[in-house]
Amino acid sequence: MSRAPSIVGVCGNPAPESKTLTLTTEVVAEIAARLPGSTTEVVDLSSYGGKVLAWGDPDTEAARATVRAADLVVVATPVYKGAYTGLLKGFLDGYGAGELRPCLAVPLTIAASPAHALAGPTHLEPVLREVGCLTPAGTLHVPDQVAADPEARSARVRSWLDDHWSLLGTIAQVGA
């Protein structure tokens, strides 16, 4: 008997109540709407701050356990200086090689500069694969100005998911 898939979002923006958090929550909700009965949770790393770097911190370890139990994880970050945030890197460094296998991941980046659209594929996806995540659909990149506009943001998320759903939906349903 199959179970309902678990979808977890991880927001790697160090600023609380960020556009990245809004976008993460929206992507998780849109995926959940496509997977009836799924459960969702969003981990906002801004509330952990420096505890992410304190090995063995119980709050951070509980957040890592939440991600570890997920069938599908949305890993979101703003792009600063061409790469994902140090906060997200510190969080992901808490996993061993292959530890999240076989979790399906949707890397999600938001950036003000079009030059930063490749940060997901070149920097974030390899780290996610190292910790065992599958990233078959690549990165969902949302330009900052699109993320700031609720209608444009929703249209971008729906369009990307529509384009990749035959792959993501199949894998997510099989994994659950």
N, C-alpha and C. Protein backbone atom coordinates (compact mmCIF):
# COMPACT_ATOMS: atom_id res chain seq x y z
N MET A 1 0.85 -1.17 0.00
CA MET A 1 0.00 0.00 0.00
C MET A 1 0.89 1.24 0.00
N SER A 2 0.58 2.18 -0.87
CA SER A 2 1.39 3.39 -0.92
C SER A 2 0.90 4.39 0.12
N ARG A 3 1.76 5.32 0.46
CA ARG A 3 1.42 6.35 1.43
C ARG A 3 1.46 7.70 0.72
N ALA A 4 0.92 8.70 1.37
CA ALA A 4 0.92 10.04 0.82
C ALA A 4 2.35 10.58 0.81
N PRO A 5 2.75 11.22 -0.29
CA PRO A 5 4.11 11.77 -0.33
C PRO A 5 4.29 12.93 0.65
N SER A 6 5.48 13.04 1.17
CA SER A 6 5.86 14.13 2.07
C SER A 6 6.68 15.14 1.27
N ILE A 7 6.26 16.39 1.29
CA ILE A 7 6.95 17.46 0.56
C ILE A 7 7.47 18.46 1.59
N VAL A 8 8.76 18.73 1.53
CA VAL A 8 9.38 19.67 2.47
C VAL A 8 10.11 20.74 1.67
N GLY A 9 9.89 21.99 2.06
CA GLY A 9 10.63 23.10 1.49
C GLY A 9 11.70 23.54 2.47
N VAL A 10 12.85 23.90 1.94
CA VAL A 10 13.93 24.46 2.76
C VAL A 10 14.27 25.82 2.17
N CYS A 11 14.08 26.85 2.96
CA CYS A 11 14.38 28.21 2.51
C CYS A 11 15.73 28.61 3.10
N GLY A 12 16.72 28.83 2.23
CA GLY A 12 18.06 29.16 2.66
C GLY A 12 18.37 30.64 2.72
N ASN A 13 17.35 31.48 2.73
CA ASN A 13 17.58 32.92 2.82
C ASN A 13 17.80 33.29 4.29
N PRO A 14 18.89 33.99 4.63
CA PRO A 14 19.11 34.36 6.02
C PRO A 14 18.16 35.44 6.54
N ALA A 15 17.43 36.11 5.64
CA ALA A 15 16.49 37.15 6.06
C ALA A 15 15.12 36.53 6.35
N PRO A 16 14.52 36.86 7.48
CA PRO A 16 13.18 36.34 7.77
C PRO A 16 12.13 36.99 6.86
N GLU A 17 11.05 36.27 6.62
CA GLU A 17 9.92 36.77 5.82
C GLU A 17 10.38 37.28 4.45
N SER A 18 11.24 36.54 3.80
CA SER A 18 11.83 36.93 2.52
C SER A 18 10.96 36.53 1.34
N LYS A 19 11.28 37.09 0.17
CA LYS A 19 10.65 36.67 -1.08
C LYS A 19 10.96 35.20 -1.34
N THR A 20 12.14 34.77 -0.91
CA THR A 20 12.52 33.37 -1.10
C THR A 20 11.60 32.46 -0.29
N LEU A 21 11.27 32.85 0.92
CA LEU A 21 10.35 32.06 1.74
C LEU A 21 8.96 32.02 1.11
N THR A 22 8.50 33.16 0.62
CA THR A 22 7.19 33.20 -0.05
C THR A 22 7.19 32.27 -1.26
N LEU A 23 8.24 32.34 -2.04
CA LEU A 23 8.36 31.50 -3.24
C LEU A 23 8.45 30.02 -2.86
N THR A 24 9.23 29.70 -1.86
CA THR A 24 9.35 28.31 -1.40
C THR A 24 7.99 27.76 -0.99
N THR A 25 7.27 28.52 -0.20
CA THR A 25 5.95 28.11 0.27
C THR A 25 4.99 27.91 -0.90
N GLU A 26 5.07 28.79 -1.89
CA GLU A 26 4.19 28.67 -3.05
C GLU A 26 4.52 27.43 -3.88
N VAL A 27 5.80 27.16 -4.09
CA VAL A 27 6.18 25.97 -4.87
C VAL A 27 5.75 24.70 -4.15
N VAL A 28 5.98 24.64 -2.84
CA VAL A 28 5.56 23.47 -2.06
C VAL A 28 4.05 23.28 -2.18
N ALA A 29 3.29 24.36 -2.05
CA ALA A 29 1.82 24.27 -2.13
C ALA A 29 1.37 23.83 -3.52
N GLU A 30 1.99 24.32 -4.55
CA GLU A 30 1.62 23.96 -5.92
C GLU A 30 1.92 22.49 -6.19
N ILE A 31 3.05 22.00 -5.70
CA ILE A 31 3.37 20.57 -5.86
C ILE A 31 2.37 19.74 -5.07
N ALA A 32 2.06 20.15 -3.85
CA ALA A 32 1.09 19.41 -3.02
C ALA A 32 -0.27 19.35 -3.68
N ALA A 33 -0.67 20.42 -4.35
CA ALA A 33 -1.96 20.43 -5.04
C ALA A 33 -2.00 19.39 -6.17
N ARG A 34 -0.83 19.07 -6.69
CA ARG A 34 -0.74 18.08 -7.78
C ARG A 34 -0.57 16.66 -7.25
N LEU A 35 -0.32 16.53 -5.95
CA LEU A 35 -0.17 15.21 -5.33
C LEU A 35 -1.18 15.10 -4.19
N PRO A 36 -2.41 14.75 -4.51
CA PRO A 36 -3.47 14.71 -3.50
C PRO A 36 -3.08 13.88 -2.28
N GLY A 37 -3.41 14.42 -1.11
CA GLY A 37 -3.13 13.72 0.13
C GLY A 37 -1.73 13.92 0.66
N SER A 38 -0.90 14.65 -0.07
CA SER A 38 0.48 14.83 0.38
C SER A 38 0.53 15.71 1.63
N THR A 39 1.61 15.55 2.39
CA THR A 39 1.84 16.39 3.56
C THR A 39 2.94 17.38 3.22
N THR A 40 2.89 18.54 3.86
CA THR A 40 3.87 19.58 3.56
C THR A 40 4.43 20.21 4.83
N GLU A 41 5.64 20.73 4.68
CA GLU A 41 6.27 21.50 5.74
C GLU A 41 7.33 22.38 5.08
N VAL A 42 7.55 23.56 5.63
CA VAL A 42 8.61 24.44 5.15
C VAL A 42 9.55 24.75 6.30
N VAL A 43 10.82 24.52 6.09
CA VAL A 43 11.87 24.81 7.06
C VAL A 43 12.50 26.13 6.64
N ASP A 44 12.36 27.15 7.48
CA ASP A 44 12.91 28.48 7.21
C ASP A 44 14.22 28.60 7.98
N LEU A 45 15.34 28.49 7.28
CA LEU A 45 16.64 28.49 7.94
C LEU A 45 16.98 29.83 8.59
N SER A 46 16.28 30.91 8.22
CA SER A 46 16.56 32.20 8.86
C SER A 46 16.31 32.13 10.36
N SER A 47 15.42 31.26 10.78
CA SER A 47 15.13 31.14 12.21
C SER A 47 16.19 30.33 12.97
N TYR A 48 17.11 29.71 12.26
CA TYR A 48 18.16 28.91 12.88
C TYR A 48 19.47 29.69 13.01
N GLY A 49 19.71 30.60 12.06
CA GLY A 49 20.92 31.42 12.10
C GLY A 49 22.18 30.60 12.31
N GLY A 50 23.02 31.07 13.22
CA GLY A 50 24.31 30.44 13.49
C GLY A 50 24.22 29.03 14.04
N LYS A 51 23.04 28.62 14.52
CA LYS A 51 22.89 27.26 15.04
C LYS A 51 23.14 26.22 13.95
N VAL A 52 22.95 26.63 12.69
CA VAL A 52 23.18 25.71 11.58
C VAL A 52 24.64 25.24 11.58
N LEU A 53 25.54 26.10 12.04
CA LEU A 53 26.96 25.76 12.04
C LEU A 53 27.42 25.05 13.31
N ALA A 54 26.56 24.99 14.30
CA ALA A 54 26.90 24.31 15.56
C ALA A 54 26.56 22.84 15.41
N TRP A 55 27.57 22.02 15.13
CA TRP A 55 27.34 20.60 14.92
C TRP A 55 26.61 20.00 16.11
N GLY A 56 25.53 19.29 15.81
CA GLY A 56 24.77 18.62 16.84
C GLY A 56 23.69 19.46 17.48
N ASP A 57 23.50 20.71 17.02
CA ASP A 57 22.42 21.53 17.58
C ASP A 57 21.10 20.79 17.42
N PRO A 58 20.33 20.60 18.50
CA PRO A 58 19.11 19.79 18.42
C PRO A 58 18.04 20.36 17.49
N ASP A 59 17.90 21.68 17.43
CA ASP A 59 16.89 22.26 16.53
C ASP A 59 17.26 22.04 15.07
N THR A 60 18.53 22.26 14.77
CA THR A 60 18.99 22.05 13.39
C THR A 60 18.90 20.58 13.02
N GLU A 61 19.26 19.71 13.94
CA GLU A 61 19.18 18.27 13.65
C GLU A 61 17.73 17.83 13.44
N ALA A 62 16.80 18.44 14.16
CA ALA A 62 15.37 18.13 13.94
C ALA A 62 14.94 18.57 12.55
N ALA A 63 15.42 19.73 12.11
CA ALA A 63 15.10 20.20 10.76
C ALA A 63 15.71 19.27 9.71
N ARG A 64 16.94 18.85 9.95
CA ARG A 64 17.57 17.90 9.01
C ARG A 64 16.79 16.58 8.96
N ALA A 65 16.29 16.13 10.10
CA ALA A 65 15.50 14.90 10.14
C ALA A 65 14.21 15.06 9.34
N THR A 66 13.61 16.24 9.41
CA THR A 66 12.40 16.50 8.62
C THR A 66 12.70 16.36 7.14
N VAL A 67 13.81 16.92 6.69
CA VAL A 67 14.21 16.81 5.29
C VAL A 67 14.54 15.36 4.95
N ARG A 68 15.22 14.69 5.85
CA ARG A 68 15.61 13.29 5.63
C ARG A 68 14.39 12.40 5.39
N ALA A 69 13.27 12.73 6.02
CA ALA A 69 12.05 11.92 5.89
C ALA A 69 11.21 12.28 4.67
N ALA A 70 11.59 13.32 3.95
CA ALA A 70 10.79 13.80 2.81
C ALA A 70 10.95 12.90 1.58
N ASP A 71 9.89 12.85 0.81
CA ASP A 71 9.95 12.19 -0.51
C ASP A 71 10.40 13.18 -1.57
N LEU A 72 10.00 14.43 -1.39
CA LEU A 72 10.35 15.49 -2.33
C LEU A 72 10.72 16.72 -1.51
N VAL A 73 11.86 17.32 -1.84
CA VAL A 73 12.30 18.51 -1.13
C VAL A 73 12.54 19.65 -2.13
N VAL A 74 12.01 20.81 -1.80
CA VAL A 74 12.25 22.03 -2.56
C VAL A 74 13.33 22.78 -1.81
N VAL A 75 14.50 22.94 -2.42
CA VAL A 75 15.63 23.59 -1.75
C VAL A 75 15.83 24.95 -2.41
N ALA A 76 15.47 26.00 -1.67
CA ALA A 76 15.42 27.34 -2.23
C ALA A 76 16.48 28.26 -1.65
N THR A 77 17.00 29.13 -2.51
CA THR A 77 18.01 30.08 -2.09
C THR A 77 18.00 31.32 -2.98
N PRO A 78 18.26 32.47 -2.36
CA PRO A 78 18.59 33.61 -3.20
C PRO A 78 20.02 33.39 -3.69
N VAL A 79 20.36 34.00 -4.79
CA VAL A 79 21.73 33.90 -5.29
C VAL A 79 22.46 35.17 -4.90
N TYR A 80 23.49 35.00 -4.09
CA TYR A 80 24.36 36.09 -3.66
C TYR A 80 25.74 35.85 -4.25
N LYS A 81 26.27 36.83 -4.92
CA LYS A 81 27.62 36.74 -5.48
C LYS A 81 27.82 35.47 -6.31
N GLY A 82 26.80 35.10 -7.05
CA GLY A 82 26.90 33.99 -7.99
C GLY A 82 26.68 32.61 -7.43
N ALA A 83 26.32 32.48 -6.15
CA ALA A 83 26.13 31.15 -5.58
C ALA A 83 25.02 31.18 -4.52
N TYR A 84 24.68 30.01 -4.02
CA TYR A 84 23.67 29.92 -2.97
C TYR A 84 24.25 30.41 -1.66
N THR A 85 23.41 30.59 -0.66
CA THR A 85 23.84 31.21 0.59
C THR A 85 24.70 30.29 1.45
N GLY A 86 25.53 30.91 2.28
CA GLY A 86 26.33 30.16 3.23
C GLY A 86 25.47 29.44 4.25
N LEU A 87 24.33 30.04 4.59
CA LEU A 87 23.41 29.42 5.53
C LEU A 87 22.91 28.08 4.98
N LEU A 88 22.53 28.06 3.71
CA LEU A 88 22.08 26.82 3.08
C LEU A 88 23.23 25.83 2.99
N LYS A 89 24.42 26.31 2.64
CA LYS A 89 25.60 25.43 2.56
C LYS A 89 25.87 24.77 3.91
N GLY A 90 25.82 25.57 4.99
CA GLY A 90 26.03 25.01 6.32
C GLY A 90 25.01 23.94 6.66
N PHE A 91 23.76 24.18 6.28
CA PHE A 91 22.70 23.20 6.54
C PHE A 91 22.95 21.91 5.76
N LEU A 92 23.26 22.04 4.49
CA LEU A 92 23.48 20.86 3.65
C LEU A 92 24.75 20.11 4.04
N ASP A 93 25.74 20.83 4.58
CA ASP A 93 26.98 20.17 5.02
C ASP A 93 26.74 19.21 6.19
N GLY A 94 25.60 19.31 6.84
CA GLY A 94 25.27 18.41 7.94
C GLY A 94 24.85 17.02 7.49
N TYR A 95 24.73 16.82 6.17
CA TYR A 95 24.37 15.50 5.63
C TYR A 95 25.61 14.82 5.08
N GLY A 96 25.67 13.51 5.26
CA GLY A 96 26.76 12.74 4.67
C GLY A 96 26.48 12.46 3.20
N ALA A 97 27.50 12.02 2.50
CA ALA A 97 27.35 11.66 1.09
C ALA A 97 26.28 10.59 0.93
N GLY A 98 25.31 10.85 0.08
CA GLY A 98 24.25 9.89 -0.20
C GLY A 98 23.18 9.76 0.88
N GLU A 99 23.27 10.53 1.94
CA GLU A 99 22.36 10.36 3.08
C GLU A 99 20.89 10.61 2.74
N LEU A 100 20.61 11.46 1.78
CA LEU A 100 19.21 11.76 1.46
C LEU A 100 18.64 10.86 0.35
N ARG A 101 19.43 9.90 -0.09
CA ARG A 101 18.99 9.00 -1.16
C ARG A 101 17.74 8.26 -0.74
N PRO A 102 16.73 8.16 -1.53
CA PRO A 102 16.56 8.61 -2.90
C PRO A 102 15.60 9.81 -3.01
N CYS A 103 15.77 10.82 -2.23
CA CYS A 103 14.86 11.96 -2.21
C CYS A 103 14.88 12.72 -3.54
N LEU A 104 13.72 13.06 -4.02
CA LEU A 104 13.58 13.88 -5.22
C LEU A 104 13.71 15.34 -4.80
N ALA A 105 14.53 16.12 -5.52
CA ALA A 105 14.74 17.53 -5.15
C ALA A 105 14.39 18.46 -6.30
N VAL A 106 13.83 19.59 -5.93
CA VAL A 106 13.62 20.70 -6.86
C VAL A 106 14.48 21.85 -6.34
N PRO A 107 15.64 22.07 -6.97
CA PRO A 107 16.44 23.24 -6.60
C PRO A 107 15.70 24.49 -7.09
N LEU A 108 15.67 25.52 -6.27
CA LEU A 108 14.93 26.74 -6.58
C LEU A 108 15.82 27.94 -6.28
N THR A 109 16.09 28.75 -7.30
CA THR A 109 16.92 29.94 -7.09
C THR A 109 16.15 31.19 -7.47
N ILE A 110 16.52 32.27 -6.80
CA ILE A 110 15.95 33.59 -7.08
C ILE A 110 17.13 34.56 -7.13
N ALA A 111 17.18 35.37 -8.19
CA ALA A 111 18.32 36.29 -8.34
C ALA A 111 17.92 37.55 -9.08
N ALA A 112 18.57 38.64 -8.73
CA ALA A 112 18.31 39.92 -9.38
C ALA A 112 18.98 40.01 -10.75
N SER A 113 20.10 39.34 -10.90
CA SER A 113 20.85 39.42 -12.16
C SER A 113 20.60 38.19 -13.02
N PRO A 114 20.33 38.41 -14.32
CA PRO A 114 20.19 37.25 -15.23
C PRO A 114 21.47 36.41 -15.29
N ALA A 115 22.60 37.02 -14.99
CA ALA A 115 23.87 36.29 -15.00
C ALA A 115 23.91 35.21 -13.93
N HIS A 116 23.02 35.29 -12.94
CA HIS A 116 23.03 34.32 -11.86
C HIS A 116 22.08 33.14 -12.07
N ALA A 117 21.48 33.06 -13.23
CA ALA A 117 20.54 31.97 -13.52
C ALA A 117 21.21 30.61 -13.50
N LEU A 118 22.52 30.57 -13.69
CA LEU A 118 23.23 29.28 -13.71
C LEU A 118 23.72 28.83 -12.34
N ALA A 119 23.47 29.61 -11.30
CA ALA A 119 23.94 29.23 -9.96
C ALA A 119 23.33 27.90 -9.51
N GLY A 120 22.08 27.66 -9.84
CA GLY A 120 21.44 26.39 -9.47
C GLY A 120 22.11 25.19 -10.11
N PRO A 121 22.18 25.18 -11.45
CA PRO A 121 22.80 24.03 -12.11
C PRO A 121 24.29 23.85 -11.80
N THR A 122 25.02 24.95 -11.64
CA THR A 122 26.46 24.81 -11.47
C THR A 122 26.91 24.67 -10.02
N HIS A 123 26.12 25.17 -9.07
CA HIS A 123 26.56 25.13 -7.68
C HIS A 123 25.63 24.31 -6.76
N LEU A 124 24.33 24.55 -6.86
CA LEU A 124 23.40 23.89 -5.93
C LEU A 124 23.11 22.44 -6.31
N GLU A 125 22.83 22.17 -7.57
CA GLU A 125 22.51 20.80 -7.98
C GLU A 125 23.61 19.80 -7.65
N PRO A 126 24.90 20.12 -7.89
CA PRO A 126 25.94 19.13 -7.53
C PRO A 126 25.97 18.80 -6.04
N VAL A 127 25.74 19.78 -5.19
CA VAL A 127 25.73 19.51 -3.74
C VAL A 127 24.53 18.63 -3.39
N LEU A 128 23.37 18.93 -3.98
CA LEU A 128 22.19 18.10 -3.71
C LEU A 128 22.42 16.66 -4.16
N ARG A 129 23.03 16.49 -5.32
CA ARG A 129 23.32 15.13 -5.78
C ARG A 129 24.33 14.44 -4.87
N GLU A 130 25.30 15.18 -4.35
CA GLU A 130 26.30 14.61 -3.44
C GLU A 130 25.65 14.03 -2.18
N VAL A 131 24.61 14.71 -1.68
CA VAL A 131 23.95 14.21 -0.47
C VAL A 131 22.84 13.20 -0.80
N GLY A 132 22.71 12.84 -2.08
CA GLY A 132 21.82 11.75 -2.46
C GLY A 132 20.53 12.13 -3.13
N CYS A 133 20.30 13.41 -3.35
CA CYS A 133 19.05 13.83 -4.00
C CYS A 133 19.08 13.60 -5.50
N LEU A 134 17.92 13.30 -6.03
CA LEU A 134 17.74 13.23 -7.48
C LEU A 134 17.25 14.60 -7.94
N THR A 135 17.84 15.14 -9.00
CA THR A 135 17.43 16.45 -9.52
C THR A 135 17.12 16.34 -11.01
N PRO A 136 16.19 15.46 -11.39
CA PRO A 136 15.99 15.18 -12.81
C PRO A 136 15.42 16.34 -13.63
N ALA A 137 14.74 17.26 -13.00
CA ALA A 137 14.12 18.36 -13.75
C ALA A 137 14.99 19.62 -13.76
N GLY A 138 16.13 19.57 -13.09
CA GLY A 138 16.99 20.75 -13.04
C GLY A 138 16.45 21.78 -12.07
N THR A 139 16.93 23.00 -12.22
CA THR A 139 16.62 24.08 -11.30
C THR A 139 15.48 24.95 -11.81
N LEU A 140 14.57 25.29 -10.91
CA LEU A 140 13.56 26.30 -11.19
C LEU A 140 14.19 27.63 -10.80
N HIS A 141 14.46 28.48 -11.78
CA HIS A 141 15.05 29.80 -11.52
C HIS A 141 13.99 30.86 -11.72
N VAL A 142 13.85 31.74 -10.74
CA VAL A 142 12.87 32.81 -10.80
C VAL A 142 13.61 34.14 -10.65
N PRO A 143 13.55 35.00 -11.67
CA PRO A 143 14.17 36.31 -11.54
C PRO A 143 13.52 37.10 -10.40
N ASP A 144 14.31 37.92 -9.74
CA ASP A 144 13.85 38.69 -8.59
C ASP A 144 12.60 39.51 -8.89
N GLN A 145 12.56 40.16 -10.05
CA GLN A 145 11.40 40.99 -10.37
C GLN A 145 10.14 40.14 -10.57
N VAL A 146 10.28 38.91 -11.01
CA VAL A 146 9.14 38.00 -11.15
C VAL A 146 8.69 37.54 -9.76
N ALA A 147 9.65 37.23 -8.89
CA ALA A 147 9.32 36.79 -7.54
C ALA A 147 8.59 37.86 -6.75
N ALA A 148 8.83 39.12 -7.08
CA ALA A 148 8.20 40.23 -6.35
C ALA A 148 6.76 40.48 -6.79
N ASP A 149 6.36 39.93 -7.93
CA ASP A 149 5.02 40.14 -8.48
C ASP A 149 4.20 38.85 -8.30
N PRO A 150 3.21 38.85 -7.40
CA PRO A 150 2.47 37.61 -7.11
C PRO A 150 1.90 36.91 -8.34
N GLU A 151 1.33 37.64 -9.27
CA GLU A 151 0.76 37.01 -10.47
C GLU A 151 1.84 36.41 -11.35
N ALA A 152 2.90 37.18 -11.59
CA ALA A 152 4.00 36.69 -12.42
C ALA A 152 4.69 35.49 -11.76
N ARG A 153 4.85 35.57 -10.45
CA ARG A 153 5.49 34.48 -9.69
C ARG A 153 4.68 33.19 -9.82
N SER A 154 3.38 33.29 -9.59
CA SER A 154 2.51 32.11 -9.69
C SER A 154 2.52 31.54 -11.10
N ALA A 155 2.49 32.40 -12.09
CA ALA A 155 2.51 31.94 -13.49
C ALA A 155 3.82 31.22 -13.79
N ARG A 156 4.93 31.75 -13.30
CA ARG A 156 6.25 31.13 -13.54
C ARG A 156 6.32 29.76 -12.87
N VAL A 157 5.85 29.67 -11.63
CA VAL A 157 5.87 28.39 -10.91
C VAL A 157 5.00 27.36 -11.62
N ARG A 158 3.78 27.74 -11.95
CA ARG A 158 2.86 26.81 -12.63
C ARG A 158 3.42 26.36 -13.98
N SER A 159 3.96 27.31 -14.74
CA SER A 159 4.50 26.99 -16.06
C SER A 159 5.66 26.00 -15.95
N TRP A 160 6.58 26.25 -15.01
CA TRP A 160 7.72 25.35 -14.84
C TRP A 160 7.26 23.97 -14.42
N LEU A 161 6.35 23.92 -13.47
CA LEU A 161 5.84 22.62 -13.03
C LEU A 161 5.07 21.91 -14.14
N ASP A 162 4.28 22.65 -14.91
CA ASP A 162 3.59 22.04 -16.05
C ASP A 162 4.59 21.41 -17.00
N ASP A 163 5.68 22.13 -17.29
CA ASP A 163 6.70 21.64 -18.22
C ASP A 163 7.44 20.40 -17.70
N HIS A 164 7.54 20.25 -16.39
CA HIS A 164 8.33 19.17 -15.81
C HIS A 164 7.51 18.13 -15.05
N TRP A 165 6.20 18.30 -15.03
CA TRP A 165 5.39 17.44 -14.17
C TRP A 165 5.35 15.99 -14.61
N SER A 166 5.40 15.71 -15.89
CA SER A 166 5.34 14.31 -16.30
C SER A 166 6.49 13.52 -15.67
N LEU A 167 7.63 14.16 -15.50
CA LEU A 167 8.78 13.51 -14.86
C LEU A 167 8.68 13.59 -13.34
N LEU A 168 8.51 14.78 -12.79
CA LEU A 168 8.48 14.94 -11.33
C LEU A 168 7.32 14.19 -10.69
N GLY A 169 6.14 14.31 -11.26
CA GLY A 169 4.96 13.67 -10.68
C GLY A 169 5.08 12.16 -10.66
N THR A 170 5.61 11.61 -11.72
CA THR A 170 5.78 10.15 -11.80
C THR A 170 6.75 9.68 -10.73
N ILE A 171 7.89 10.35 -10.62
CA ILE A 171 8.90 9.94 -9.64
C ILE A 171 8.37 10.14 -8.22
N ALA A 172 7.71 11.26 -7.95
CA ALA A 172 7.20 11.53 -6.61
C ALA A 172 6.16 10.49 -6.20
N GLN A 173 5.30 10.09 -7.11
CA GLN A 173 4.26 9.11 -6.77
C GLN A 173 4.85 7.72 -6.58
N VAL A 174 5.87 7.38 -7.34
CA VAL A 174 6.51 6.06 -7.21
C VAL A 174 7.29 6.01 -5.89
N GLY A 175 7.94 7.13 -5.51
CA GLY A 175 8.77 7.15 -4.32
C GLY A 175 7.98 7.08 -3.03
N ALA A 176 6.73 7.50 -3.06
CA ALA A 176 5.94 7.56 -1.83
C ALA A 176 5.46 6.21 -1.38
